[in-house]
């Protein structure tokens, strides 16, 4: 694999996926396809009780690739990206995100898809898409379901940063640790205590059960937002201006249409 690492822990019952592109762990098409290949492997392994996601280095992920958000590539990117969420639903294996540093955009959406979100105090989470003139389809569904509409709307419509302490306070993060070393050690201990003693097959049924509403809404509403993004949003001047201005390192000039 070029941009992902995989190792197993807890006697092979926990699959640890590490995002590693050498810098910001950007979820580009290469990384997303590698992740889908891993999910296909996990489906055939009845012994996996948990999948963890973590970023190599200081950051979890800067998010999806901005160059792949341009009109030319947007449809390919968003369809591949959304397949990750549909596959997580289909696998029904419990998932856990271990977040350090920046966890932005598509990176935050990957974390939101997980059953558990653990972080250390360096974590900064945000859905900054609106700043680029676009919106985050998966987060638009998952964030209100997880923390309620009022706070989700504020986060998505402002694009502002959420630091670890606030993330824990609003119920977004399950636990916050002092630093990455403590995060890894604390998560390992938590998994040993709460996940490993359980049946892998029963955990899958548990995930399907507790996510009955979550999964139904994602499966029925995400395709609608995907259509809106590709066929309506990307036809506007401002969505293209927002992406292009970011790539050209200049301030956007909005036409409000």
C-alpha atoms as a PDB file:
ATOM      1  CA  UNK A   1       0.000   0.000   0.000  1.00  0.00           C
ATOM      2  CA  UNK A   2       1.218   3.460  -0.909  1.00  0.00           C
ATOM      3  CA  UNK A   3      -0.667   5.697   1.517  1.00  0.00           C
ATOM      4  CA  UNK A   4      -2.038   3.413   4.219  1.00  0.00           C
ATOM      5  CA  UNK A   5      -0.415   1.164   6.787  1.00  0.00           C
ATOM      6  CA  UNK A   6      -2.134  -1.786   8.435  1.00  0.00           C
ATOM      7  CA  UNK A   7      -1.261  -3.717  11.553  1.00  0.00           C
ATOM      8  CA  UNK A   8      -3.201  -5.988  13.870  1.00  0.00           C
ATOM      9  CA  UNK A   9      -3.224  -5.946  17.667  1.00  0.00           C
ATOM     10  CA  UNK A  10      -5.007  -7.686  20.525  1.00  0.00           C
ATOM     11  CA  UNK A  11      -4.250 -11.165  19.143  1.00  0.00           C
ATOM     12  CA  UNK A  12      -5.424 -10.245  15.661  1.00  0.00           C
ATOM     13  CA  UNK A  13      -8.863  -9.013  16.740  1.00  0.00           C
ATOM     14  CA  UNK A  14      -8.173  -5.303  16.143  1.00  0.00           C
ATOM     15  CA  UNK A  15      -7.239  -3.949  12.709  1.00  0.00           C
ATOM     16  CA  UNK A  16      -5.320  -0.679  12.930  1.00  0.00           C
ATOM     17  CA  UNK A  17      -5.451   1.473   9.799  1.00  0.00           C
ATOM     18  CA  UNK A  18      -2.874   4.284   9.676  1.00  0.00           C
ATOM     19  CA  UNK A  19      -3.242   7.156   7.215  1.00  0.00           C
ATOM     20  CA  UNK A  20       0.222   8.016   5.946  1.00  0.00           C
ATOM     21  CA  UNK A  21       0.874  10.180   2.900  1.00  0.00           C
ATOM     22  CA  UNK A  22       4.029  11.724   4.361  1.00  0.00           C
ATOM     23  CA  UNK A  23       2.464  15.062   5.297  1.00  0.00           C
ATOM     24  CA  UNK A  24      -1.176  15.840   6.073  1.00  0.00           C
ATOM     25  CA  UNK A  25      -2.593  12.348   5.431  1.00  0.00           C
ATOM     26  CA  UNK A  26      -4.846  13.736   2.707  1.00  0.00           C
ATOM     27  CA  UNK A  27      -7.693  11.457   1.652  1.00  0.00           C
ATOM     28  CA  UNK A  28      -7.032  11.521  -2.085  1.00  0.00           C
ATOM     29  CA  UNK A  29      -8.287   8.980  -4.606  1.00  0.00           C
ATOM     30  CA  UNK A  30      -5.290   6.681  -4.102  1.00  0.00           C
ATOM     31  CA  UNK A  31      -5.756   6.541  -0.340  1.00  0.00           C
ATOM     32  CA  UNK A  32      -9.523   6.088  -0.633  1.00  0.00           C
ATOM     33  CA  UNK A  33      -9.174   3.163  -3.056  1.00  0.00           C
ATOM     34  CA  UNK A  34      -6.608   1.550  -0.758  1.00  0.00           C
ATOM     35  CA  UNK A  35      -9.044   1.929   2.135  1.00  0.00           C
ATOM     36  CA  UNK A  36     -11.810   0.253   0.135  1.00  0.00           C
ATOM     37  CA  UNK A  37      -9.430  -2.633  -0.634  1.00  0.00           C
ATOM     38  CA  UNK A  38      -8.763  -3.035   3.087  1.00  0.00           C
ATOM     39  CA  UNK A  39     -12.490  -3.052   3.827  1.00  0.00           C
ATOM     40  CA  UNK A  40     -12.905  -5.895   1.322  1.00  0.00           C
ATOM     41  CA  UNK A  41     -10.270  -7.843   3.272  1.00  0.00           C
ATOM     42  CA  UNK A  42     -11.945  -7.117   6.599  1.00  0.00           C
ATOM     43  CA  UNK A  43     -15.272  -8.455   5.324  1.00  0.00           C
ATOM     44  CA  UNK A  44     -13.679 -11.862   4.915  1.00  0.00           C
ATOM     45  CA  UNK A  45     -12.198 -11.949   8.418  1.00  0.00           C
ATOM     46  CA  UNK A  46     -14.693 -13.091  11.035  1.00  0.00           C
ATOM     47  CA  UNK A  47     -12.281 -12.452  13.911  1.00  0.00           C
ATOM     48  CA  UNK A  48     -12.033  -8.644  13.668  1.00  0.00           C
ATOM     49  CA  UNK A  49     -13.782  -6.982  16.602  1.00  0.00           C
ATOM     50  CA  UNK A  50     -12.691  -3.394  15.964  1.00  0.00           C
ATOM     51  CA  UNK A  51     -11.132  -1.226  13.248  1.00  0.00           C
ATOM     52  CA  UNK A  52      -9.140   1.814  14.379  1.00  0.00           C
ATOM     53  CA  UNK A  53      -8.119   4.793  12.244  1.00  0.00           C
ATOM     54  CA  UNK A  54      -5.199   7.064  13.068  1.00  0.00           C
ATOM     55  CA  UNK A  55      -2.934   9.492  11.240  1.00  0.00           C
ATOM     56  CA  UNK A  56       0.816   8.992  11.032  1.00  0.00           C
ATOM     57  CA  UNK A  57       2.738  11.896  12.564  1.00  0.00           C
ATOM     58  CA  UNK A  58       1.206  14.957  14.199  1.00  0.00           C
ATOM     59  CA  UNK A  59      -2.121  15.062  12.367  1.00  0.00           C
ATOM     60  CA  UNK A  60      -5.082  12.778  11.757  1.00  0.00           C
ATOM     61  CA  UNK A  61      -5.931  14.153   8.307  1.00  0.00           C
ATOM     62  CA  UNK A  62      -6.166  17.486   6.512  1.00  0.00           C
ATOM     63  CA  UNK A  63      -9.207  16.058   4.702  1.00  0.00           C
ATOM     64  CA  UNK A  64     -10.017  15.158   1.124  1.00  0.00           C
ATOM     65  CA  UNK A  65      -7.781  16.405  -1.676  1.00  0.00           C
ATOM     66  CA  UNK A  66      -8.767  19.959  -2.696  1.00  0.00           C
ATOM     67  CA  UNK A  67      -7.463  19.547  -6.289  1.00  0.00           C
ATOM     68  CA  UNK A  68      -9.867  16.598  -6.604  1.00  0.00           C
ATOM     69  CA  UNK A  69     -12.749  18.921  -5.602  1.00  0.00           C
ATOM     70  CA  UNK A  70     -12.525  20.815  -8.894  1.00  0.00           C
ATOM     71  CA  UNK A  71     -15.476  20.423 -11.244  1.00  0.00           C
ATOM     72  CA  UNK A  72     -13.475  18.090 -13.473  1.00  0.00           C
ATOM     73  CA  UNK A  73     -12.820  15.560 -10.711  1.00  0.00           C
ATOM     74  CA  UNK A  74     -15.589  16.251  -8.179  1.00  0.00           C
ATOM     75  CA  UNK A  75     -17.931  13.472  -9.283  1.00  0.00           C
ATOM     76  CA  UNK A  76     -15.215  10.803  -9.218  1.00  0.00           C
ATOM     77  CA  UNK A  77     -13.903  11.987  -5.855  1.00  0.00           C
ATOM     78  CA  UNK A  78     -17.236  12.266  -4.092  1.00  0.00           C
ATOM     79  CA  UNK A  79     -18.574   8.908  -5.329  1.00  0.00           C
ATOM     80  CA  UNK A  80     -15.410   7.100  -4.196  1.00  0.00           C
ATOM     81  CA  UNK A  81     -15.435   8.954  -0.881  1.00  0.00           C
ATOM     82  CA  UNK A  82     -19.073   8.167  -0.187  1.00  0.00           C
ATOM     83  CA  UNK A  83     -18.458   4.494  -0.922  1.00  0.00           C
ATOM     84  CA  UNK A  84     -16.251   4.440   2.188  1.00  0.00           C
ATOM     85  CA  UNK A  85     -19.262   5.315   4.352  1.00  0.00           C
ATOM     86  CA  UNK A  86     -21.528   2.785   2.670  1.00  0.00           C
ATOM     87  CA  UNK A  87     -18.860   0.091   3.172  1.00  0.00           C
ATOM     88  CA  UNK A  88     -18.449   0.968   6.854  1.00  0.00           C
ATOM     89  CA  UNK A  89     -22.214   0.542   7.207  1.00  0.00           C
ATOM     90  CA  UNK A  90     -22.148  -2.778   5.363  1.00  0.00           C
ATOM     91  CA  UNK A  91     -19.213  -4.193   7.364  1.00  0.00           C
ATOM     92  CA  UNK A  92     -20.896  -3.328  10.687  1.00  0.00           C
ATOM     93  CA  UNK A  93     -17.570  -3.889  12.446  1.00  0.00           C
ATOM     94  CA  UNK A  94     -17.129  -1.430  15.354  1.00  0.00           C
ATOM     95  CA  UNK A  95     -14.839   1.476  14.431  1.00  0.00           C
ATOM     96  CA  UNK A  96     -12.748   3.898  16.479  1.00  0.00           C
ATOM     97  CA  UNK A  97     -10.894   7.063  15.461  1.00  0.00           C
ATOM     98  CA  UNK A  98      -7.740   8.091  17.351  1.00  0.00           C
ATOM     99  CA  UNK A  99      -7.349  11.799  16.675  1.00  0.00           C
ATOM    100  CA  UNK A 100      -4.273  13.971  17.072  1.00  0.00           C
ATOM    101  CA  UNK A 101      -3.663  17.360  15.507  1.00  0.00           C
ATOM    102  CA  UNK A 102      -5.769  18.543  12.617  1.00  0.00           C
ATOM    103  CA  UNK A 103      -8.829  16.477  11.728  1.00  0.00           C
ATOM    104  CA  UNK A 104     -10.486  18.467   8.980  1.00  0.00           C
ATOM    105  CA  UNK A 105     -13.133  18.080   6.302  1.00  0.00           C
ATOM    106  CA  UNK A 106     -13.176  14.553   4.944  1.00  0.00           C
ATOM    107  CA  UNK A 107     -10.845  13.503   7.755  1.00  0.00           C
ATOM    108  CA  UNK A 108     -13.402  14.619  10.315  1.00  0.00           C
ATOM    109  CA  UNK A 109     -16.111  12.841   8.328  1.00  0.00           C
ATOM    110  CA  UNK A 110     -14.147   9.574   8.471  1.00  0.00           C
ATOM    111  CA  UNK A 111     -13.882  10.049  12.252  1.00  0.00           C
ATOM    112  CA  UNK A 112     -17.606  10.875  12.488  1.00  0.00           C
ATOM    113  CA  UNK A 113     -18.434   7.600  10.765  1.00  0.00           C
ATOM    114  CA  UNK A 114     -16.748   5.737  13.620  1.00  0.00           C
ATOM    115  CA  UNK A 115     -18.624   4.419  16.640  1.00  0.00           C
ATOM    116  CA  UNK A 116     -16.009   5.904  18.964  1.00  0.00           C
ATOM    117  CA  UNK A 117     -13.885   9.060  18.726  1.00  0.00           C
ATOM    118  CA  UNK A 118     -10.898   9.363  21.065  1.00  0.00           C
ATOM    119  CA  UNK A 119      -8.473  12.294  20.898  1.00  0.00           C
ATOM    120  CA  UNK A 120      -5.573  13.986  22.584  1.00  0.00           C
ATOM    121  CA  UNK A 121      -5.367  17.652  23.541  1.00  0.00           C
ATOM    122  CA  UNK A 122      -3.662  18.634  20.279  1.00  0.00           C
ATOM    123  CA  UNK A 123      -6.788  17.688  18.311  1.00  0.00           C
ATOM    124  CA  UNK A 124      -8.506  20.361  16.225  1.00  0.00           C
ATOM    125  CA  UNK A 125     -11.637  19.306  14.350  1.00  0.00           C
ATOM    126  CA  UNK A 126     -13.487  21.282  11.676  1.00  0.00           C
ATOM    127  CA  UNK A 127     -15.692  21.086   8.613  1.00  0.00           C
ATOM    128  CA  UNK A 128     -14.215  24.067   6.728  1.00  0.00           C
ATOM    129  CA  UNK A 129     -15.877  23.295   3.383  1.00  0.00           C
ATOM    130  CA  UNK A 130     -18.159  26.362   3.530  1.00  0.00           C
ATOM    131  CA  UNK A 131     -15.049  28.569   3.519  1.00  0.00           C
ATOM    132  CA  UNK A 132     -14.259  27.100   0.079  1.00  0.00           C
ATOM    133  CA  UNK A 133     -17.819  27.648  -1.112  1.00  0.00           C
ATOM    134  CA  UNK A 134     -18.912  24.015  -0.826  1.00  0.00           C
ATOM    135  CA  UNK A 135     -20.510  21.793   1.828  1.00  0.00           C
ATOM    136  CA  UNK A 136     -19.762  18.385   3.436  1.00  0.00           C
ATOM    137  CA  UNK A 137     -22.469  15.841   2.475  1.00  0.00           C
ATOM    138  CA  UNK A 138     -21.611  13.054   4.993  1.00  0.00           C
ATOM    139  CA  UNK A 139     -21.072  15.481   7.885  1.00  0.00           C
ATOM    140  CA  UNK A 140     -24.340  17.250   7.039  1.00  0.00           C
ATOM    141  CA  UNK A 141     -26.080  14.010   7.995  1.00  0.00           C
ATOM    142  CA  UNK A 142     -23.819  12.497  10.650  1.00  0.00           C
ATOM    143  CA  UNK A 143     -23.015  15.563  12.746  1.00  0.00           C
ATOM    144  CA  UNK A 144     -26.652  16.464  13.585  1.00  0.00           C
ATOM    145  CA  UNK A 145     -27.345  12.810  14.393  1.00  0.00           C
ATOM    146  CA  UNK A 146     -24.383  12.698  16.761  1.00  0.00           C
ATOM    147  CA  UNK A 147     -24.517  16.051  18.570  1.00  0.00           C
ATOM    148  CA  UNK A 148     -27.856  17.653  17.611  1.00  0.00           C
ATOM    149  CA  UNK A 149     -28.853  20.177  14.986  1.00  0.00           C
ATOM    150  CA  UNK A 150     -28.089  23.408  16.840  1.00  0.00           C
ATOM    151  CA  UNK A 151     -24.383  22.750  17.365  1.00  0.00           C
ATOM    152  CA  UNK A 152     -23.975  20.865  14.057  1.00  0.00           C
ATOM    153  CA  UNK A 153     -25.409  23.770  12.081  1.00  0.00           C
ATOM    154  CA  UNK A 154     -23.017  26.172  13.789  1.00  0.00           C
ATOM    155  CA  UNK A 155     -20.000  23.973  13.024  1.00  0.00           C
ATOM    156  CA  UNK A 156     -20.908  23.369   9.366  1.00  0.00           C
ATOM    157  CA  UNK A 157     -22.139  26.869   8.498  1.00  0.00           C
ATOM    158  CA  UNK A 158     -19.204  28.695  10.138  1.00  0.00           C
ATOM    159  CA  UNK A 159     -16.416  26.219   9.382  1.00  0.00           C
ATOM    160  CA  UNK A 160     -14.826  27.109  12.731  1.00  0.00           C
ATOM    161  CA  UNK A 161     -12.374  24.954  14.663  1.00  0.00           C
ATOM    162  CA  UNK A 162     -13.414  22.696  17.531  1.00  0.00           C
ATOM    163  CA  UNK A 163     -10.647  21.986  20.015  1.00  0.00           C
ATOM    164  CA  UNK A 164     -10.483  18.754  21.986  1.00  0.00           C
ATOM    165  CA  UNK A 165     -11.964  20.080  25.232  1.00  0.00           C
ATOM    166  CA  UNK A 166     -14.977  21.550  23.435  1.00  0.00           C
ATOM    167  CA  UNK A 167     -15.349  18.365  21.398  1.00  0.00           C
ATOM    168  CA  UNK A 168     -15.621  16.356  24.604  1.00  0.00           C
ATOM    169  CA  UNK A 169     -17.974  18.914  26.182  1.00  0.00           C
ATOM    170  CA  UNK A 170     -20.483  18.782  23.299  1.00  0.00           C
ATOM    171  CA  UNK A 171     -20.443  14.980  23.192  1.00  0.00           C
ATOM    172  CA  UNK A 172     -18.481  14.685  19.956  1.00  0.00           C
ATOM    173  CA  UNK A 173     -15.454  12.986  21.539  1.00  0.00           C
ATOM    174  CA  UNK A 174     -15.733  10.018  23.888  1.00  0.00           C
ATOM    175  CA  UNK A 175     -12.449  10.616  25.696  1.00  0.00           C
ATOM    176  CA  UNK A 176      -9.577  13.114  25.563  1.00  0.00           C
ATOM    177  CA  UNK A 177      -6.007  12.259  26.606  1.00  0.00           C
ATOM    178  CA  UNK A 178      -3.022  14.483  27.364  1.00  0.00           C
ATOM    179  CA  UNK A 179      -0.919  13.627  24.296  1.00  0.00           C
ATOM    180  CA  UNK A 180      -0.584  11.063  21.509  1.00  0.00           C
ATOM    181  CA  UNK A 181       1.375   8.640  23.675  1.00  0.00           C
ATOM    182  CA  UNK A 182      -1.335   8.738  26.350  1.00  0.00           C
ATOM    183  CA  UNK A 183      -3.996   8.449  23.630  1.00  0.00           C
ATOM    184  CA  UNK A 184      -2.438   5.265  22.273  1.00  0.00           C
ATOM    185  CA  UNK A 185      -1.906   3.734  25.704  1.00  0.00           C
ATOM    186  CA  UNK A 186      -5.368   4.684  26.981  1.00  0.00           C
ATOM    187  CA  UNK A 187      -7.102   3.440  23.853  1.00  0.00           C
ATOM    188  CA  UNK A 188      -5.235   0.135  23.999  1.00  0.00           C
ATOM    189  CA  UNK A 189      -6.343  -0.348  27.612  1.00  0.00           C
ATOM    190  CA  UNK A 190      -9.953   0.620  26.778  1.00  0.00           C
ATOM    191  CA  UNK A 191     -10.088  -1.834  23.878  1.00  0.00           C
ATOM    192  CA  UNK A 192      -8.687  -4.619  26.057  1.00  0.00           C
ATOM    193  CA  UNK A 193     -11.324  -3.964  28.720  1.00  0.00           C
ATOM    194  CA  UNK A 194     -14.431  -3.223  26.657  1.00  0.00           C
ATOM    195  CA  UNK A 195     -14.043  -4.747  23.174  1.00  0.00           C
ATOM    196  CA  UNK A 196     -11.779  -7.793  23.246  1.00  0.00           C
ATOM    197  CA  UNK A 197     -13.950  -9.846  25.670  1.00  0.00           C
ATOM    198  CA  UNK A 198     -16.943  -9.544  23.301  1.00  0.00           C
ATOM    199  CA  UNK A 199     -18.016 -11.805  20.432  1.00  0.00           C
ATOM    200  CA  UNK A 200     -17.026 -10.412  17.023  1.00  0.00           C
ATOM    201  CA  UNK A 201     -20.288 -11.559  15.443  1.00  0.00           C
ATOM    202  CA  UNK A 202     -22.393 -10.186  18.302  1.00  0.00           C
ATOM    203  CA  UNK A 203     -20.598  -6.839  18.052  1.00  0.00           C
ATOM    204  CA  UNK A 204     -21.638  -6.619  14.390  1.00  0.00           C
ATOM    205  CA  UNK A 205     -25.275  -7.186  15.345  1.00  0.00           C
ATOM    206  CA  UNK A 206     -24.862  -4.599  18.092  1.00  0.00           C
ATOM    207  CA  UNK A 207     -23.558  -2.036  15.595  1.00  0.00           C
ATOM    208  CA  UNK A 208     -26.409  -2.754  13.181  1.00  0.00           C
ATOM    209  CA  UNK A 209     -28.903  -2.449  16.006  1.00  0.00           C
ATOM    210  CA  UNK A 210     -27.676   0.764  17.626  1.00  0.00           C
ATOM    211  CA  UNK A 211     -27.243   2.348  14.185  1.00  0.00           C
ATOM    212  CA  UNK A 212     -30.636   1.393  12.759  1.00  0.00           C
ATOM    213  CA  UNK A 213     -31.722   5.025  12.350  1.00  0.00           C
ATOM    214  CA  UNK A 214     -28.222   6.358  11.564  1.00  0.00           C
ATOM    215  CA  UNK A 215     -27.681   3.813   8.773  1.00  0.00           C
ATOM    216  CA  UNK A 216     -31.160   4.248   7.304  1.00  0.00           C
ATOM    217  CA  UNK A 217     -30.731   8.012   7.042  1.00  0.00           C
ATOM    218  CA  UNK A 218     -27.201   7.755   5.629  1.00  0.00           C
ATOM    219  CA  UNK A 219     -28.206   5.200   2.995  1.00  0.00           C
ATOM    220  CA  UNK A 220     -31.271   7.170   1.893  1.00  0.00           C
ATOM    221  CA  UNK A 221     -30.127  10.774   2.235  1.00  0.00           C
ATOM    222  CA  UNK A 222     -26.425  10.707   1.300  1.00  0.00           C
ATOM    223  CA  UNK A 223     -27.212   9.916  -2.389  1.00  0.00           C
ATOM    224  CA  UNK A 224     -29.526  12.952  -2.415  1.00  0.00           C
ATOM    225  CA  UNK A 225     -26.798  15.234  -1.090  1.00  0.00           C
ATOM    226  CA  UNK A 226     -24.322  13.668  -3.517  1.00  0.00           C
ATOM    227  CA  UNK A 227     -26.638  14.600  -6.395  1.00  0.00           C
ATOM    228  CA  UNK A 228     -27.043  18.135  -5.014  1.00  0.00           C
ATOM    229  CA  UNK A 229     -23.269  18.531  -4.733  1.00  0.00           C
ATOM    230  CA  UNK A 230     -22.385  17.238  -8.201  1.00  0.00           C
ATOM    231  CA  UNK A 231     -25.311  18.501 -10.263  1.00  0.00           C
ATOM    232  CA  UNK A 232     -26.301  21.718  -8.508  1.00  0.00           C
ATOM    233  CA  UNK A 233     -23.544  23.083  -6.252  1.00  0.00           C
ATOM    234  CA  UNK A 234     -20.728  22.475  -8.761  1.00  0.00           C
ATOM    235  CA  UNK A 235     -22.728  24.314 -11.418  1.00  0.00           C
ATOM    236  CA  UNK A 236     -22.509  27.557  -9.404  1.00  0.00           C
ATOM    237  CA  UNK A 237     -19.847  30.192  -9.949  1.00  0.00           C
ATOM    238  CA  UNK A 238     -18.967  30.457  -6.270  1.00  0.00           C
ATOM    239  CA  UNK A 239     -18.305  26.763  -5.625  1.00  0.00           C
ATOM    240  CA  UNK A 240     -15.769  26.748  -8.450  1.00  0.00           C
ATOM    241  CA  UNK A 241     -14.351  30.121  -7.394  1.00  0.00           C
ATOM    242  CA  UNK A 242     -13.897  28.892  -3.825  1.00  0.00           C
ATOM    243  CA  UNK A 243     -11.937  25.808  -4.866  1.00  0.00           C
ATOM    244  CA  UNK A 244      -9.883  27.635  -7.492  1.00  0.00           C
ATOM    245  CA  UNK A 245      -9.024  30.540  -5.208  1.00  0.00           C
ATOM    246  CA  UNK A 246      -7.748  28.084  -2.577  1.00  0.00           C
ATOM    247  CA  UNK A 247      -5.562  26.319  -5.143  1.00  0.00           C
ATOM    248  CA  UNK A 248      -4.313  29.682  -6.431  1.00  0.00           C
ATOM    249  CA  UNK A 249      -3.649  30.890  -2.858  1.00  0.00           C
ATOM    250  CA  UNK A 250      -5.806  34.011  -3.114  1.00  0.00           C
ATOM    251  CA  UNK A 251      -8.985  35.351  -1.540  1.00  0.00           C
ATOM    252  CA  UNK A 252     -12.188  34.271  -3.258  1.00  0.00           C
ATOM    253  CA  UNK A 253     -14.249  36.836  -5.126  1.00  0.00           C
ATOM    254  CA  UNK A 254     -17.857  35.787  -4.546  1.00  0.00           C
ATOM    255  CA  UNK A 255     -20.568  36.515  -7.102  1.00  0.00           C
ATOM    256  CA  UNK A 256     -23.227  35.030  -4.814  1.00  0.00           C
ATOM    257  CA  UNK A 257     -24.474  32.710  -7.505  1.00  0.00           C
END
